[in-house]
Amino acid sequence: MFSLILLVARQVSGKFKFIGMWISLFPIIAGIFDCIENAFLLMMMNDLASIPLILPLISSSISTIKFSLLFIGIVYFAIELLTFIIIKIKARKEK
């Protein structure tokens, strides 16, 4: 996802390029959150008898943030890709 967002972000210009460069970091951050979530899940699976109530809450919150970041990245990629394709088609019709 990082590479796809970066590829599309390099093709656009102006404010959308700047936003795309920042959004391209979202999949990397989501990967870090995935590792943290997995650590919390392993802690919960290790000792089922005495799971602190905060662990499931933290794990689910991290998971929500992770998937939100990925969703934002996918939406940006789809919108910019469609915009890029439309611009290229219009440029060919003008020739």
PDB file of N, CA and C in Angstrom:
ATOM      1  N   MET A   1       0.826  -1.174   0.000  1.00  0.00           N
ATOM      2  CA  MET A   1       0.000   0.000   0.000  1.00  0.00           C
ATOM      3  C   MET A   1       0.880   1.250   0.000  1.00  0.00           C
ATOM      4  N   PHE A   2       1.966   1.202   0.761  1.00  0.00           N
ATOM      5  CA  PHE A   2       2.895   2.332   0.815  1.00  0.00           C
ATOM      6  C   PHE A   2       3.392   2.689  -0.578  1.00  0.00           C
ATOM      7  N   SER A   3       3.810   1.686  -1.320  1.00  0.00           N
ATOM      8  CA  SER A   3       4.368   1.922  -2.649  1.00  0.00           C
ATOM      9  C   SER A   3       3.318   2.434  -3.627  1.00  0.00           C
ATOM     10  N   LEU A   4       2.109   1.900  -3.552  1.00  0.00           N
ATOM     11  CA  LEU A   4       1.049   2.346  -4.455  1.00  0.00           C
ATOM     12  C   LEU A   4       0.664   3.796  -4.185  1.00  0.00           C
ATOM     13  N   ILE A   5       0.531   4.143  -2.920  1.00  0.00           N
ATOM     14  CA  ILE A   5       0.193   5.531  -2.580  1.00  0.00           C
ATOM     15  C   ILE A   5       1.310   6.467  -3.017  1.00  0.00           C
ATOM     16  N   LEU A   6       2.538   6.073  -2.786  1.00  0.00           N
ATOM     17  CA  LEU A   6       3.679   6.901  -3.172  1.00  0.00           C
ATOM     18  C   LEU A   6       3.753   7.059  -4.685  1.00  0.00           C
ATOM     19  N   LEU A   7       3.474   5.988  -5.417  1.00  0.00           N
ATOM     20  CA  LEU A   7       3.482   6.039  -6.884  1.00  0.00           C
ATOM     21  C   LEU A   7       2.458   7.037  -7.409  1.00  0.00           C
ATOM     22  N   VAL A   8       1.254   6.996  -6.863  1.00  0.00           N
ATOM     23  CA  VAL A   8       0.207   7.919  -7.303  1.00  0.00           C
ATOM     24  C   VAL A   8       0.503   9.334  -6.835  1.00  0.00           C
ATOM     25  N   ALA A   9       1.016   9.493  -5.620  1.00  0.00           N
ATOM     26  CA  ALA A   9       1.296  10.825  -5.077  1.00  0.00           C
ATOM     27  C   ALA A   9       2.368  11.540  -5.897  1.00  0.00           C
ATOM     28  N   ARG A  10       3.297  10.805  -6.447  1.00  0.00           N
ATOM     29  CA  ARG A  10       4.343  11.428  -7.268  1.00  0.00           C
ATOM     30  C   ARG A  10       3.814  11.914  -8.608  1.00  0.00           C
ATOM     31  N   GLN A  11       2.675  11.391  -9.049  1.00  0.00           N
ATOM     32  CA  GLN A  11       2.125  11.768 -10.345  1.00  0.00           C
ATOM     33  C   GLN A  11       1.294  13.051 -10.282  1.00  0.00           C
ATOM     34  N   VAL A  12       0.806  13.404  -9.100  1.00  0.00           N
ATOM     35  CA  VAL A  12      -0.008  14.609  -8.956  1.00  0.00           C
ATOM     36  C   VAL A  12       0.875  15.760  -8.513  1.00  0.00           C
ATOM     37  N   SER A  13       0.278  16.942  -8.475  1.00  0.00           N
ATOM     38  CA  SER A  13       1.079  18.102  -8.073  1.00  0.00           C
ATOM     39  C   SER A  13       0.313  18.933  -7.049  1.00  0.00           C
ATOM     40  N   GLY A  14       1.016  19.876  -6.469  1.00  0.00           N
ATOM     41  CA  GLY A  14       0.402  20.807  -5.527  1.00  0.00           C
ATOM     42  C   GLY A  14       0.108  20.205  -4.176  1.00  0.00           C
ATOM     43  N   LYS A  15      -1.021  20.635  -3.632  1.00  0.00           N
ATOM     44  CA  LYS A  15      -1.412  20.238  -2.281  1.00  0.00           C
ATOM     45  C   LYS A  15      -1.663  18.735  -2.182  1.00  0.00           C
ATOM     46  N   PHE A  16      -2.197  18.132  -3.243  1.00  0.00           N
ATOM     47  CA  PHE A  16      -2.491  16.700  -3.216  1.00  0.00           C
ATOM     48  C   PHE A  16      -1.222  15.858  -3.167  1.00  0.00           C
ATOM     49  N   LYS A  17      -0.146  16.363  -3.746  1.00  0.00           N
ATOM     50  CA  LYS A  17       1.130  15.658  -3.662  1.00  0.00           C
ATOM     51  C   LYS A  17       1.647  15.680  -2.232  1.00  0.00           C
ATOM     52  N   PHE A  18       1.568  16.838  -1.593  1.00  0.00           N
ATOM     53  CA  PHE A  18       2.010  16.974  -0.204  1.00  0.00           C
ATOM     54  C   PHE A  18       1.193  16.061   0.719  1.00  0.00           C
ATOM     55  N   ILE A  19      -0.116  16.065   0.529  1.00  0.00           N
ATOM     56  CA  ILE A  19      -0.992  15.199   1.329  1.00  0.00           C
ATOM     57  C   ILE A  19      -0.672  13.735   1.064  1.00  0.00           C
ATOM     58  N   GLY A  20      -0.445  13.387  -0.186  1.00  0.00           N
ATOM     59  CA  GLY A  20      -0.133  12.002  -0.547  1.00  0.00           C
ATOM     60  C   GLY A  20       1.162  11.513   0.065  1.00  0.00           C
ATOM     61  N   MET A  21       2.146  12.389   0.145  1.00  0.00           N
ATOM     62  CA  MET A  21       3.404  11.989   0.772  1.00  0.00           C
ATOM     63  C   MET A  21       3.206  11.658   2.246  1.00  0.00           C
ATOM     64  N   TRP A  22       2.360  12.423   2.929  1.00  0.00           N
ATOM     65  CA  TRP A  22       2.073  12.128   4.331  1.00  0.00           C
ATOM     66  C   TRP A  22       1.227  10.870   4.465  1.00  0.00           C
ATOM     67  N   ILE A  23       0.236  10.722   3.588  1.00  0.00           N
ATOM     68  CA  ILE A  23      -0.632   9.544   3.658  1.00  0.00           C
ATOM     69  C   ILE A  23       0.140   8.277   3.318  1.00  0.00           C
ATOM     70  N   SER A  24       1.204   8.393   2.549  1.00  0.00           N
ATOM     71  CA  SER A  24       1.989   7.200   2.218  1.00  0.00           C
ATOM     72  C   SER A  24       2.654   6.596   3.465  1.00  0.00           C
ATOM     73  N   LEU A  25       2.767   7.378   4.525  1.00  0.00           N
ATOM     74  CA  LEU A  25       3.325   6.859   5.775  1.00  0.00           C
ATOM     75  C   LEU A  25       2.301   6.066   6.594  1.00  0.00           C
ATOM     76  N   PHE A  26       1.022   6.231   6.286  1.00  0.00           N
ATOM     77  CA  PHE A  26      -0.032   5.571   7.056  1.00  0.00           C
ATOM     78  C   PHE A  26       0.099   4.051   7.056  1.00  0.00           C
ATOM     79  N   PRO A  27       0.376   3.389   5.918  1.00  0.00           N
ATOM     80  CA  PRO A  27       0.529   1.929   5.976  1.00  0.00           C
ATOM     81  C   PRO A  27       1.698   1.469   6.851  1.00  0.00           C
ATOM     82  N   ILE A  28       2.756   2.251   6.905  1.00  0.00           N
ATOM     83  CA  ILE A  28       3.890   1.901   7.763  1.00  0.00           C
ATOM     84  C   ILE A  28       3.487   2.020   9.228  1.00  0.00           C
ATOM     85  N   ILE A  29       2.782   3.100   9.558  1.00  0.00           N
ATOM     86  CA  ILE A  29       2.293   3.272  10.927  1.00  0.00           C
ATOM     87  C   ILE A  29       1.304   2.161  11.274  1.00  0.00           C
ATOM     88  N   ALA A  30       0.456   1.788  10.309  1.00  0.00           N
ATOM     89  CA  ALA A  30      -0.499   0.699  10.535  1.00  0.00           C
ATOM     90  C   ALA A  30       0.235  -0.614  10.803  1.00  0.00           C
ATOM     91  N   GLY A  31       1.354  -0.837  10.134  1.00  0.00           N
ATOM     92  CA  GLY A  31       2.150  -2.039  10.385  1.00  0.00           C
ATOM     93  C   GLY A  31       2.718  -2.063  11.799  1.00  0.00           C
ATOM     94  N   ILE A  32       3.144  -0.906  12.275  1.00  0.00           N
ATOM     95  CA  ILE A  32       3.644  -0.803  13.649  1.00  0.00           C
ATOM     96  C   ILE A  32       2.511  -1.074  14.638  1.00  0.00           C
ATOM     97  N   PHE A  33       1.338  -0.497  14.360  1.00  0.00           N
ATOM     98  CA  PHE A  33       0.179  -0.749  15.228  1.00  0.00           C
ATOM     99  C   PHE A  33      -0.219  -2.220  15.201  1.00  0.00           C
ATOM    100  N   ASP A  34      -0.045  -2.879  14.070  1.00  0.00           N
ATOM    101  CA  ASP A  34      -0.362  -4.309  13.976  1.00  0.00           C
ATOM    102  C   ASP A  34       0.557  -5.120  14.884  1.00  0.00           C
ATOM    103  N   CYS A  35       1.827  -4.763  14.909  1.00  0.00           N
ATOM    104  CA  CYS A  35       2.769  -5.457  15.803  1.00  0.00           C
ATOM    105  C   CYS A  35       2.398  -5.246  17.265  1.00  0.00           C
ATOM    106  N   ILE A  36       2.017  -4.027  17.612  1.00  0.00           N
ATOM    107  CA  ILE A  36       1.611  -3.741  18.990  1.00  0.00           C
ATOM    108  C   ILE A  36       0.344  -4.514  19.339  1.00  0.00           C
ATOM    109  N   GLU A  37      -0.617  -4.527  18.411  1.00  0.00           N
ATOM    110  CA  GLU A  37      -1.854  -5.276  18.635  1.00  0.00           C
ATOM    111  C   GLU A  37      -1.564  -6.763  18.846  1.00  0.00           C
ATOM    112  N   ASN A  38      -0.683  -7.316  18.020  1.00  0.00           N
ATOM    113  CA  ASN A  38      -0.324  -8.733  18.164  1.00  0.00           C
ATOM    114  C   ASN A  38       0.320  -9.010  19.517  1.00  0.00           C
ATOM    115  N   ALA A  39       1.137  -8.090  20.002  1.00  0.00           N
ATOM    116  CA  ALA A  39       1.757  -8.263  21.313  1.00  0.00           C
ATOM    117  C   ALA A  39       0.692  -8.304  22.411  1.00  0.00           C
ATOM    118  N   PHE A  40      -0.294  -7.410  22.318  1.00  0.00           N
ATOM    119  CA  PHE A  40      -1.368  -7.415  23.303  1.00  0.00           C
ATOM    120  C   PHE A  40      -2.193  -8.696  23.214  1.00  0.00           C
ATOM    121  N   LEU A  41      -2.463  -9.168  22.009  1.00  0.00           N
ATOM    122  CA  LEU A  41      -3.209 -10.420  21.851  1.00  0.00           C
ATOM    123  C   LEU A  41      -2.448 -11.603  22.432  1.00  0.00           C
ATOM    124  N   LEU A  42      -1.134 -11.621  22.217  1.00  0.00           N
ATOM    125  CA  LEU A  42      -0.325 -12.690  22.799  1.00  0.00           C
ATOM    126  C   LEU A  42      -0.322 -12.630  24.325  1.00  0.00           C
ATOM    127  N   MET A  43      -0.279 -11.423  24.878  1.00  0.00           N
ATOM    128  CA  MET A  43      -0.345 -11.284  26.342  1.00  0.00           C
ATOM    129  C   MET A  43      -1.664 -11.818  26.875  1.00  0.00           C
ATOM    130  N   MET A  44      -2.753 -11.534  26.146  1.00  0.00           N
ATOM    131  CA  MET A  44      -4.057 -12.014  26.599  1.00  0.00           C
ATOM    132  C   MET A  44      -4.172 -13.531  26.464  1.00  0.00           C
ATOM    133  N   MET A  45      -3.599 -14.097  25.422  1.00  0.00           N
ATOM    134  CA  MET A  45      -3.672 -15.548  25.223  1.00  0.00           C
ATOM    135  C   MET A  45      -2.766 -16.304  26.192  1.00  0.00           C
ATOM    136  N   ASN A  46      -1.727 -15.667  26.642  1.00  0.00           N
ATOM    137  CA  ASN A  46      -0.771 -16.303  27.528  1.00  0.00           C
ATOM    138  C   ASN A  46      -1.361 -16.599  28.905  1.00  0.00           C
ATOM    139  N   ASP A  47      -2.155 -15.682  29.411  1.00  0.00           N
ATOM    140  CA  ASP A  47      -2.707 -15.847  30.760  1.00  0.00           C
ATOM    141  C   ASP A  47      -4.203 -15.545  30.721  1.00  0.00           C
ATOM    142  N   LEU A  48      -5.005 -16.522  30.311  1.00  0.00           N
ATOM    143  CA  LEU A  48      -6.443 -16.320  30.161  1.00  0.00           C
ATOM    144  C   LEU A  48      -7.164 -16.108  31.488  1.00  0.00           C
ATOM    145  N   ALA A  49      -6.605 -16.611  32.555  1.00  0.00           N
ATOM    146  CA  ALA A  49      -7.280 -16.529  33.857  1.00  0.00           C
ATOM    147  C   ALA A  49      -7.267 -15.122  34.438  1.00  0.00           C
ATOM    148  N   SER A  50      -6.229 -14.371  34.161  1.00  0.00           N
ATOM    149  CA  SER A  50      -6.132 -13.041  34.784  1.00  0.00           C
ATOM    150  C   SER A  50      -5.814 -11.969  33.745  1.00  0.00           C
ATOM    151  N   ILE A  51      -6.711 -11.784  32.796  1.00  0.00           N
ATOM    152  CA  ILE A  51      -6.536 -10.735  31.791  1.00  0.00           C
ATOM    153  C   ILE A  51      -6.993  -9.409  32.391  1.00  0.00           C
ATOM    154  N   PRO A  52      -6.105  -8.421  32.460  1.00  0.00           N
ATOM    155  CA  PRO A  52      -6.561  -7.100  32.904  1.00  0.00           C
ATOM    156  C   PRO A  52      -7.578  -6.540  31.907  1.00  0.00           C
ATOM    157  N   LEU A  53      -8.585  -5.864  32.404  1.00  0.00           N
ATOM    158  CA  LEU A  53      -9.655  -5.368  31.542  1.00  0.00           C
ATOM    159  C   LEU A  53      -9.171  -4.339  30.533  1.00  0.00           C
ATOM    160  N   ILE A  54      -8.032  -3.743  30.770  1.00  0.00           N
ATOM    161  CA  ILE A  54      -7.528  -2.714  29.871  1.00  0.00           C
ATOM    162  C   ILE A  54      -6.922  -3.306  28.601  1.00  0.00           C
ATOM    163  N   LEU A  55      -6.415  -4.527  28.652  1.00  0.00           N
ATOM    164  CA  LEU A  55      -5.761  -5.117  27.479  1.00  0.00           C
ATOM    165  C   LEU A  55      -6.678  -5.272  26.279  1.00  0.00           C
ATOM    166  N   PRO A  56      -7.897  -5.821  26.429  1.00  0.00           N
ATOM    167  CA  PRO A  56      -8.774  -5.902  25.263  1.00  0.00           C
ATOM    168  C   PRO A  56      -9.167  -4.532  24.713  1.00  0.00           C
ATOM    169  N   LEU A  57      -9.335  -3.561  25.613  1.00  0.00           N
ATOM    170  CA  LEU A  57      -9.686  -2.212  25.186  1.00  0.00           C
ATOM    171  C   LEU A  57      -8.555  -1.592  24.370  1.00  0.00           C
ATOM    172  N   ILE A  58      -7.337  -1.716  24.847  1.00  0.00           N
ATOM    173  CA  ILE A  58      -6.183  -1.175  24.124  1.00  0.00           C
ATOM    174  C   ILE A  58      -6.019  -1.898  22.789  1.00  0.00           C
ATOM    175  N   SER A  59      -6.157  -3.205  22.794  1.00  0.00           N
ATOM    176  CA  SER A  59      -5.994  -3.984  21.572  1.00  0.00           C
ATOM    177  C   SER A  59      -7.034  -3.600  20.520  1.00  0.00           C
ATOM    178  N   SER A  60      -8.275  -3.459  20.940  1.00  0.00           N
ATOM    179  CA  SER A  60      -9.316  -3.092  19.976  1.00  0.00           C
ATOM    180  C   SER A  60      -9.153  -1.655  19.494  1.00  0.00           C
ATOM    181  N   SER A  61      -8.697  -0.766  20.361  1.00  0.00           N
ATOM    182  CA  SER A  61      -8.460   0.626  19.953  1.00  0.00           C
ATOM    183  C   SER A  61      -7.333   0.705  18.930  1.00  0.00           C
ATOM    184  N   ILE A  62      -6.275  -0.020  19.168  1.00  0.00           N
ATOM    185  CA  ILE A  62      -5.154  -0.038  18.233  1.00  0.00           C
ATOM    186  C   ILE A  62      -5.582  -0.637  16.899  1.00  0.00           C
ATOM    187  N   SER A  63      -6.402  -1.668  16.951  1.00  0.00           N
ATOM    188  CA  SER A  63      -6.897  -2.294  15.724  1.00  0.00           C
ATOM    189  C   SER A  63      -7.768  -1.316  14.931  1.00  0.00           C
ATOM    190  N   THR A  64      -8.608  -0.565  15.626  1.00  0.00           N
ATOM    191  CA  THR A  64      -9.450   0.425  14.958  1.00  0.00           C
ATOM    192  C   THR A  64      -8.608   1.499  14.286  1.00  0.00           C
ATOM    193  N   ILE A  65      -7.602   1.976  14.974  1.00  0.00           N
ATOM    194  CA  ILE A  65      -6.710   2.985  14.391  1.00  0.00           C
ATOM    195  C   ILE A  65      -5.983   2.413  13.188  1.00  0.00           C
ATOM    196  N   LYS A  66      -5.518   1.185  13.308  1.00  0.00           N
ATOM    197  CA  LYS A  66      -4.784   0.533  12.216  1.00  0.00           C
ATOM    198  C   LYS A  66      -5.643   0.457  10.952  1.00  0.00           C
ATOM    199  N   PHE A  67      -6.851  -0.046  11.092  1.00  0.00           N
ATOM    200  CA  PHE A  67      -7.711  -0.184   9.925  1.00  0.00           C
ATOM    201  C   PHE A  67      -8.187   1.163   9.395  1.00  0.00           C
ATOM    202  N   SER A  68      -8.323   2.154  10.263  1.00  0.00           N
ATOM    203  CA  SER A  68      -8.682   3.503   9.810  1.00  0.00           C
ATOM    204  C   SER A  68      -7.570   4.098   8.954  1.00  0.00           C
ATOM    205  N   LEU A  69      -6.336   3.925   9.386  1.00  0.00           N
ATOM    206  CA  LEU A  69      -5.204   4.436   8.607  1.00  0.00           C
ATOM    207  C   LEU A  69      -5.125   3.749   7.242  1.00  0.00           C
ATOM    208  N   LEU A  70      -5.334   2.438   7.230  1.00  0.00           N
ATOM    209  CA  LEU A  70      -5.322   1.714   5.954  1.00  0.00           C
ATOM    210  C   LEU A  70      -6.470   2.154   5.055  1.00  0.00           C
ATOM    211  N   PHE A  71      -7.643   2.380   5.630  1.00  0.00           N
ATOM    212  CA  PHE A  71      -8.795   2.824   4.852  1.00  0.00           C
ATOM    213  C   PHE A  71      -8.534   4.196   4.227  1.00  0.00           C
ATOM    214  N   ILE A  72      -7.972   5.101   4.993  1.00  0.00           N
ATOM    215  CA  ILE A  72      -7.648   6.430   4.465  1.00  0.00           C
ATOM    216  C   ILE A  72      -6.663   6.309   3.302  1.00  0.00           C
ATOM    217  N   GLY A  73      -5.660   5.457   3.457  1.00  0.00           N
ATOM    218  CA  GLY A  73      -4.692   5.248   2.387  1.00  0.00           C
ATOM    219  C   GLY A  73      -5.318   4.671   1.134  1.00  0.00           C
ATOM    220  N   ILE A  74      -6.208   3.707   1.286  1.00  0.00           N
ATOM    221  CA  ILE A  74      -6.866   3.091   0.134  1.00  0.00           C
ATOM    222  C   ILE A  74      -7.775   4.088  -0.564  1.00  0.00           C
ATOM    223  N   VAL A  75      -8.510   4.881   0.204  1.00  0.00           N
ATOM    224  CA  VAL A  75      -9.387   5.891  -0.388  1.00  0.00           C
ATOM    225  C   VAL A  75      -8.566   6.933  -1.147  1.00  0.00           C
ATOM    226  N   TYR A  76      -7.475   7.398  -0.565  1.00  0.00           N
ATOM    227  CA  TYR A  76      -6.612   8.365  -1.265  1.00  0.00           C
ATOM    228  C   TYR A  76      -6.093   7.761  -2.565  1.00  0.00           C
ATOM    229  N   PHE A  77      -5.612   6.537  -2.497  1.00  0.00           N
ATOM    230  CA  PHE A  77      -5.071   5.879  -3.682  1.00  0.00           C
ATOM    231  C   PHE A  77      -6.130   5.768  -4.770  1.00  0.00           C
ATOM    232  N   ALA A  78      -7.331   5.332  -4.421  1.00  0.00           N
ATOM    233  CA  ALA A  78      -8.388   5.149  -5.407  1.00  0.00           C
ATOM    234  C   ALA A  78      -8.787   6.475  -6.056  1.00  0.00           C
ATOM    235  N   ILE A  79      -8.946   7.513  -5.242  1.00  0.00           N
ATOM    236  CA  ILE A  79      -9.352   8.822  -5.771  1.00  0.00           C
ATOM    237  C   ILE A  79      -8.281   9.398  -6.682  1.00  0.00           C
ATOM    238  N   GLU A  80      -7.041   9.370  -6.248  1.00  0.00           N
ATOM    239  CA  GLU A  80      -5.970   9.940  -7.063  1.00  0.00           C
ATOM    240  C   GLU A  80      -5.708   9.116  -8.323  1.00  0.00           C
ATOM    241  N   LEU A  81      -5.859   7.807  -8.235  1.00  0.00           N
ATOM    242  CA  LEU A  81      -5.687   6.972  -9.420  1.00  0.00           C
ATOM    243  C   LEU A  81      -6.763   7.278 -10.454  1.00  0.00           C
ATOM    244  N   LEU A  82      -8.017   7.397 -10.010  1.00  0.00           N
ATOM    245  CA  LEU A  82      -9.094   7.746 -10.934  1.00  0.00           C
ATOM    246  C   LEU A  82      -8.880   9.134 -11.532  1.00  0.00           C
ATOM    247  N   THR A  83      -8.458  10.070 -10.711  1.00  0.00           N
ATOM    248  CA  THR A  83      -8.173  11.420 -11.208  1.00  0.00           C
ATOM    249  C   THR A  83      -7.064  11.395 -12.248  1.00  0.00           C
ATOM    250  N   PHE A  84      -6.021  10.658 -11.987  1.00  0.00           N
ATOM    251  CA  PHE A  84      -4.902  10.549 -12.917  1.00  0.00           C
ATOM    252  C   PHE A  84      -5.348   9.909 -14.236  1.00  0.00           C
ATOM    253  N   ILE A  85      -6.147   8.873 -14.163  1.00  0.00           N
ATOM    254  CA  ILE A  85      -6.629   8.204 -15.378  1.00  0.00           C
ATOM    255  C   ILE A  85      -7.521   9.135 -16.177  1.00  0.00           C
ATOM    256  N   ILE A  86      -8.405   9.860 -15.521  1.00  0.00           N
ATOM    257  CA  ILE A  86      -9.291  10.797 -16.224  1.00  0.00           C
ATOM    258  C   ILE A  86      -8.484  11.884 -16.906  1.00  0.00           C
ATOM    259  N   ILE A  87      -7.477  12.415 -16.249  1.00  0.00           N
ATOM    260  CA  ILE A  87      -6.629  13.452 -16.854  1.00  0.00           C
ATOM    261  C   ILE A  87      -5.909  12.907 -18.081  1.00  0.00           C
ATOM    262  N   LYS A  88      -5.394  11.694 -18.003  1.00  0.00           N
ATOM    263  CA  LYS A  88      -4.692  11.092 -19.149  1.00  0.00           C
ATOM    264  C   LYS A  88      -5.645  10.849 -20.309  1.00  0.00           C
ATOM    265  N   ILE A  89      -6.874  10.407 -20.027  1.00  0.00           N
ATOM    266  CA  ILE A  89      -7.850  10.178 -21.096  1.00  0.00           C
ATOM    267  C   ILE A  89      -8.227  11.495 -21.754  1.00  0.00           C
ATOM    268  N   LYS A  90      -8.441  12.539 -20.986  1.00  0.00           N
ATOM    269  CA  LYS A  90      -8.757  13.855 -21.548  1.00  0.00           C
ATOM    270  C   LYS A  90      -7.598  14.386 -22.384  1.00  0.00           C
ATOM    271  N   ALA A  91      -6.373  14.145 -21.941  1.00  0.00           N
ATOM    272  CA  ALA A  91      -5.206  14.613 -22.699  1.00  0.00           C
ATOM    273  C   ALA A  91      -5.113  13.887 -24.041  1.00  0.00           C
ATOM    274  N   ARG A  92      -5.459  12.625 -24.095  1.00  0.00           N
ATOM    275  CA  ARG A  92      -5.422  11.869 -25.366  1.00  0.00           C
ATOM    276  C   ARG A  92      -6.506  12.345 -26.306  1.00  0.00           C
ATOM    277  N   LYS A  93      -7.684  12.683 -25.780  1.00  0.00           N
ATOM    278  CA  LYS A  93      -8.783  13.153 -26.627  1.00  0.00           C
ATOM    279  C   LYS A  93      -8.466  14.514 -27.230  1.00  0.00           C
ATOM    280  N   GLU A  94      -7.699  15.334 -26.526  1.00  0.00           N
ATOM    281  CA  GLU A  94      -7.349  16.656 -27.036  1.00  0.00           C
ATOM    282  C   GLU A  94      -6.349  16.594 -28.171  1.00  0.00           C
ATOM    283  N   LYS A  95      -5.614  15.510 -28.278  1.00  0.00           N
ATOM    284  CA  LYS A  95      -4.611  15.383 -29.346  1.00  0.00           C
ATOM    285  C   LYS A  95      -5.271  15.090 -30.615  1.00  0.00           C
TER     286      LYS A  95
END
